[in-house]
N, C-alpha and C. Protein backbone atom coordinates (compact mmCIF):
# COMPACT_ATOMS: atom_id res chain seq x y z
N MET A 1 87.51 59.43 73.44
CA MET A 1 88.75 60.05 73.01
C MET A 1 88.69 60.28 71.50
N GLU A 2 89.00 61.48 71.08
CA GLU A 2 88.97 61.81 69.65
C GLU A 2 90.24 61.32 68.97
N MET A 3 90.06 60.67 67.83
CA MET A 3 91.21 60.18 67.08
C MET A 3 91.83 61.33 66.29
N GLN A 4 93.12 61.48 66.39
CA GLN A 4 93.80 62.52 65.64
C GLN A 4 94.29 61.96 64.32
N ARG A 5 94.15 62.76 63.29
CA ARG A 5 94.65 62.35 61.98
C ARG A 5 96.11 62.76 61.85
N MET A 6 96.89 61.86 61.32
CA MET A 6 98.30 62.16 61.08
C MET A 6 98.40 63.00 59.83
N LYS A 7 99.06 64.14 59.93
CA LYS A 7 99.28 64.98 58.77
C LYS A 7 100.46 64.44 57.99
N VAL A 8 100.24 64.08 56.74
CA VAL A 8 101.29 63.55 55.90
C VAL A 8 101.75 64.65 54.94
N MET A 9 103.00 65.01 55.06
CA MET A 9 103.55 66.04 54.18
C MET A 9 104.21 65.37 52.97
N ALA A 10 104.17 66.07 51.87
CA ALA A 10 104.84 65.56 50.68
C ALA A 10 106.34 65.51 50.93
N PRO A 11 106.97 64.41 50.57
CA PRO A 11 108.42 64.32 50.79
C PRO A 11 109.17 65.34 49.94
N SER A 12 110.31 65.71 50.41
CA SER A 12 111.16 66.65 49.70
C SER A 12 112.44 65.92 49.29
N TYR A 13 112.91 66.19 48.11
CA TYR A 13 114.11 65.55 47.59
C TYR A 13 115.12 66.63 47.21
N THR A 14 116.39 66.24 47.15
CA THR A 14 117.45 67.18 46.86
C THR A 14 118.09 66.86 45.51
N ALA A 15 118.10 67.84 44.63
CA ALA A 15 118.76 67.68 43.34
C ALA A 15 120.16 68.28 43.43
N VAL A 16 121.14 67.53 42.97
CA VAL A 16 122.51 68.03 42.83
C VAL A 16 122.67 68.32 41.35
N VAL A 17 122.93 69.59 41.01
CA VAL A 17 123.01 69.97 39.60
C VAL A 17 124.33 70.68 39.31
N LYS A 18 124.80 70.50 38.09
CA LYS A 18 126.00 71.22 37.67
C LYS A 18 125.98 71.38 36.16
N GLN A 19 126.64 72.43 35.72
CA GLN A 19 126.80 72.66 34.29
C GLN A 19 128.22 72.29 33.91
N ASP A 20 128.33 71.55 32.81
CA ASP A 20 129.63 71.16 32.28
C ASP A 20 129.60 71.46 30.79
N GLY A 21 130.27 72.51 30.40
CA GLY A 21 130.19 72.94 29.01
C GLY A 21 128.79 73.43 28.70
N LYS A 22 128.19 72.91 27.63
CA LYS A 22 126.84 73.34 27.27
C LYS A 22 125.75 72.49 27.92
N TRP A 23 126.13 71.48 28.67
CA TRP A 23 125.15 70.55 29.25
C TRP A 23 124.99 70.75 30.75
N TRP A 24 123.78 70.46 31.22
CA TRP A 24 123.45 70.44 32.64
C TRP A 24 123.24 68.99 33.05
N PHE A 25 123.83 68.62 34.19
CA PHE A 25 123.71 67.27 34.73
C PHE A 25 123.09 67.35 36.11
N GLY A 26 122.29 66.34 36.46
CA GLY A 26 121.68 66.36 37.77
C GLY A 26 121.40 64.97 38.30
N TRP A 27 121.41 64.87 39.62
CA TRP A 27 121.15 63.63 40.34
C TRP A 27 120.22 63.93 41.51
N VAL A 28 119.37 62.99 41.86
CA VAL A 28 118.57 63.12 43.07
C VAL A 28 119.29 62.34 44.16
N GLU A 29 119.72 63.06 45.20
CA GLU A 29 120.54 62.45 46.26
C GLU A 29 119.90 61.23 46.90
N GLU A 30 118.61 61.31 47.16
CA GLU A 30 117.95 60.29 47.98
C GLU A 30 117.52 59.04 47.21
N VAL A 31 117.56 59.08 45.89
CA VAL A 31 117.08 57.93 45.11
C VAL A 31 118.14 57.54 44.07
N PRO A 32 118.86 56.46 44.31
CA PRO A 32 119.88 56.02 43.35
C PRO A 32 119.27 55.77 41.97
N GLY A 33 119.99 56.15 40.96
CA GLY A 33 119.55 55.90 39.59
C GLY A 33 118.73 57.01 38.98
N VAL A 34 118.34 58.00 39.78
CA VAL A 34 117.58 59.12 39.23
C VAL A 34 118.58 60.21 38.88
N ASN A 35 118.91 60.28 37.60
CA ASN A 35 119.85 61.28 37.10
C ASN A 35 119.48 61.62 35.67
N CYS A 36 119.81 62.83 35.26
CA CYS A 36 119.42 63.31 33.93
C CYS A 36 120.49 64.25 33.37
N GLN A 37 120.37 64.51 32.08
CA GLN A 37 121.23 65.46 31.38
C GLN A 37 120.34 66.24 30.43
N GLU A 38 120.47 67.57 30.45
CA GLU A 38 119.66 68.41 29.57
C GLU A 38 120.47 69.63 29.13
N ALA A 39 119.94 70.36 28.16
CA ALA A 39 120.62 71.53 27.61
C ALA A 39 120.45 72.78 28.47
N SER A 40 119.41 72.82 29.33
CA SER A 40 119.22 73.98 30.21
C SER A 40 118.91 73.50 31.63
N ARG A 41 119.13 74.39 32.59
CA ARG A 41 118.86 74.07 33.99
C ARG A 41 117.37 73.78 34.20
N GLU A 42 116.52 74.58 33.59
CA GLU A 42 115.08 74.40 33.74
C GLU A 42 114.63 73.05 33.18
N GLU A 43 115.15 72.69 32.01
CA GLU A 43 114.82 71.38 31.42
C GLU A 43 115.32 70.25 32.31
N LEU A 44 116.51 70.44 32.88
CA LEU A 44 117.08 69.43 33.76
C LEU A 44 116.20 69.21 34.98
N LEU A 45 115.77 70.28 35.64
CA LEU A 45 114.95 70.13 36.83
C LEU A 45 113.62 69.46 36.51
N GLU A 46 113.03 69.79 35.38
CA GLU A 46 111.78 69.13 34.98
C GLU A 46 112.01 67.65 34.69
N SER A 47 113.10 67.33 34.00
CA SER A 47 113.42 65.92 33.72
C SER A 47 113.65 65.14 35.01
N LEU A 48 114.32 65.77 35.97
CA LEU A 48 114.54 65.11 37.26
C LEU A 48 113.21 64.86 37.97
N ARG A 49 112.29 65.83 37.93
CA ARG A 49 110.97 65.65 38.55
C ARG A 49 110.23 64.47 37.92
N VAL A 50 110.22 64.42 36.60
CA VAL A 50 109.51 63.36 35.89
C VAL A 50 110.17 62.01 36.18
N THR A 51 111.48 61.94 36.10
CA THR A 51 112.20 60.69 36.33
C THR A 51 112.02 60.22 37.77
N LEU A 52 112.04 61.14 38.73
CA LEU A 52 111.82 60.79 40.13
C LEU A 52 110.42 60.22 40.32
N ALA A 53 109.42 60.87 39.75
CA ALA A 53 108.03 60.38 39.87
C ALA A 53 107.90 58.98 39.28
N GLU A 54 108.53 58.74 38.13
CA GLU A 54 108.48 57.42 37.51
C GLU A 54 109.18 56.37 38.37
N ALA A 55 110.33 56.72 38.95
CA ALA A 55 111.06 55.78 39.80
C ALA A 55 110.25 55.43 41.04
N ILE A 56 109.62 56.41 41.66
CA ILE A 56 108.81 56.16 42.85
C ILE A 56 107.62 55.28 42.50
N ALA A 57 106.98 55.54 41.37
CA ALA A 57 105.83 54.71 40.94
C ALA A 57 106.27 53.27 40.71
N MET A 58 107.41 53.07 40.06
CA MET A 58 107.91 51.71 39.82
C MET A 58 108.26 51.01 41.13
N ASN A 59 108.91 51.74 42.05
CA ASN A 59 109.25 51.16 43.36
C ASN A 59 108.00 50.79 44.13
N ARG A 60 106.97 51.64 44.04
CA ARG A 60 105.70 51.36 44.72
C ARG A 60 105.08 50.08 44.17
N GLU A 61 105.04 49.95 42.85
CA GLU A 61 104.48 48.74 42.23
C GLU A 61 105.27 47.50 42.65
N ASP A 62 106.60 47.60 42.65
CA ASP A 62 107.44 46.46 43.06
C ASP A 62 107.16 46.07 44.50
N ALA A 63 107.04 47.05 45.39
CA ALA A 63 106.80 46.75 46.81
C ALA A 63 105.44 46.10 47.01
N ARG A 64 104.42 46.61 46.32
CA ARG A 64 103.08 46.03 46.45
C ARG A 64 103.03 44.62 45.88
N ARG A 65 103.72 44.41 44.78
CA ARG A 65 103.77 43.07 44.18
C ARG A 65 104.48 42.10 45.12
N ALA A 66 105.58 42.54 45.73
CA ALA A 66 106.33 41.69 46.65
C ALA A 66 105.52 41.37 47.90
N ALA A 67 104.70 42.31 48.35
CA ALA A 67 103.90 42.11 49.57
C ALA A 67 102.75 41.13 49.34
N GLY A 68 102.30 40.99 48.12
CA GLY A 68 101.19 40.08 47.84
C GLY A 68 99.87 40.67 48.31
N ASN A 69 99.03 39.85 48.92
CA ASN A 69 97.71 40.28 49.38
C ASN A 69 97.74 40.67 50.85
N ASN A 70 96.68 41.31 51.27
CA ASN A 70 96.46 41.65 52.68
C ASN A 70 97.60 42.44 53.30
N PHE A 71 98.04 43.50 52.66
CA PHE A 71 99.08 44.35 53.23
C PHE A 71 98.47 45.69 53.64
N GLU A 72 99.21 46.41 54.44
CA GLU A 72 98.80 47.75 54.83
C GLU A 72 99.89 48.74 54.42
N GLU A 73 99.48 49.94 54.13
CA GLU A 73 100.43 50.99 53.83
C GLU A 73 100.34 52.03 54.95
N THR A 74 101.48 52.45 55.45
CA THR A 74 101.48 53.43 56.53
C THR A 74 102.65 54.39 56.33
N PRO A 75 102.41 55.68 56.55
CA PRO A 75 103.51 56.65 56.38
C PRO A 75 104.54 56.49 57.49
N ILE A 76 105.79 56.73 57.14
CA ILE A 76 106.87 56.73 58.12
C ILE A 76 107.67 58.00 57.93
N ALA A 77 108.29 58.46 58.98
CA ALA A 77 109.11 59.66 58.92
C ALA A 77 110.55 59.29 59.26
N VAL A 78 111.46 60.04 58.72
CA VAL A 78 112.88 59.82 59.05
C VAL A 78 113.40 60.97 59.87
């Protein structure tokens, strides 16, 4: 029997953005604490991308540290 490889797709996140006066504000719905403020919409979206990547990296490090040795990583879908 041939083993099938699971195709792992990059996760997608949702940014909630709004302009208030001269500032743009944004939040990532799926990850608490990922929010930014910038002078333009484009700057805001880039800041959200960078902040989201940093938050995911920190969460990954925390999870691996908490698991200790001999752990496995496996993709899950919602």
